[in-house]
Amino acid sequence: MSAPAQQKMAGRDTLDYTTTASNTMMTNNLQDTFIAQNEPCKDWARRQVLCCRYENQYFRASGHKIAVYNQFRGCCPYKVDLDNEFAGSYKKAGCLANGVVFCLCPFLVCKGTSKFVSVLDSEGEEKFTMRRRHYTCWPCVDYCVGICAPCGLCAASTGGFFSYVGGYDYRTIKQPIFGKMETGEENPVGTITLVESIRPTCIGASRTEAMRVCVDVPESSTPKDIASLTYIQMMYAKQQKPSFRFPVGVSCVDQGLDVETQNLDFQAVVDKKY
């Protein structure tokens, strides 16, 4: 089965998820557009019976379909189907997911990484993780970041405006994707990149709109493995409310996420120089 989101590039597989006014997902190798489809009548009826706790989202193209759904929001994990076959699920890290020491006294964890999201494959095995990096006194830094975050976001808004004036009206936010959590010292296996358009709101201020989410994962990943990342891509594309620590492109706020931010002009975005 051909991957509906698989493209060979420099020995790796990439998934290119593009949001527009019609909410589409682009797959370069098939030249298909995955369009957000309305839910079937039976699913709509199920949501009414379950007091609107059932959620789903479909993306369809010629011969392929990706379905992201949650049978009972708040109690069940989000799951992904690829062409009507179960591809994987999304799971937030529990209290003991990163060890007893991290749970009881995170101050004692001064190196390595901890996961806050797991992506499971169709067999229920952990395939990908999203993590944060630790350093000495990182909980204190996180506390200070929470207090100073509004100032950082305001500064980023102003910086985005002047970037727009200078002709660099696009921004990328790149974050590493890790594999299965074992020791916490593993290296990333890929990246997820959010491409945003910078829009001025007034003189000296701006906002951003998500345009594209690109995922670069190992070539050994199966089509189902790649499809299982769809829910995280939807959060990056701001089609779902983030349920984990989400990068915003501000260095002081994104401490520990190993985020790389870059301002680009139009041609660089067209040439995918990110």
Foldseek 3Di string as FASTA:
>chain_A
DDQQAFDDDPQWTKGKQFQDPQRWGARPVVRWIFGKDDDDPVQVVLCVVLVNQKDKIWTDTVPKIKMWIFGGHPPGWIWIDISNHTFWTKDFQDLDNFHDCCNPPVQVDAFFKDFGMFIAGPVRHTFKTQIFTGHHPVVVLLVVCVVCVVVLQLVVFLVQLVCVVVQLFKKKKKFFMCTDDDPRHDDGFWIKMWMWGWARPDNRGIDIATTMIMIIGHPPDDSSNVSSCVVVRCCSNVVDPDPDQDDDQGDSNCHRRPMDMDGHHPVCVVVVVD
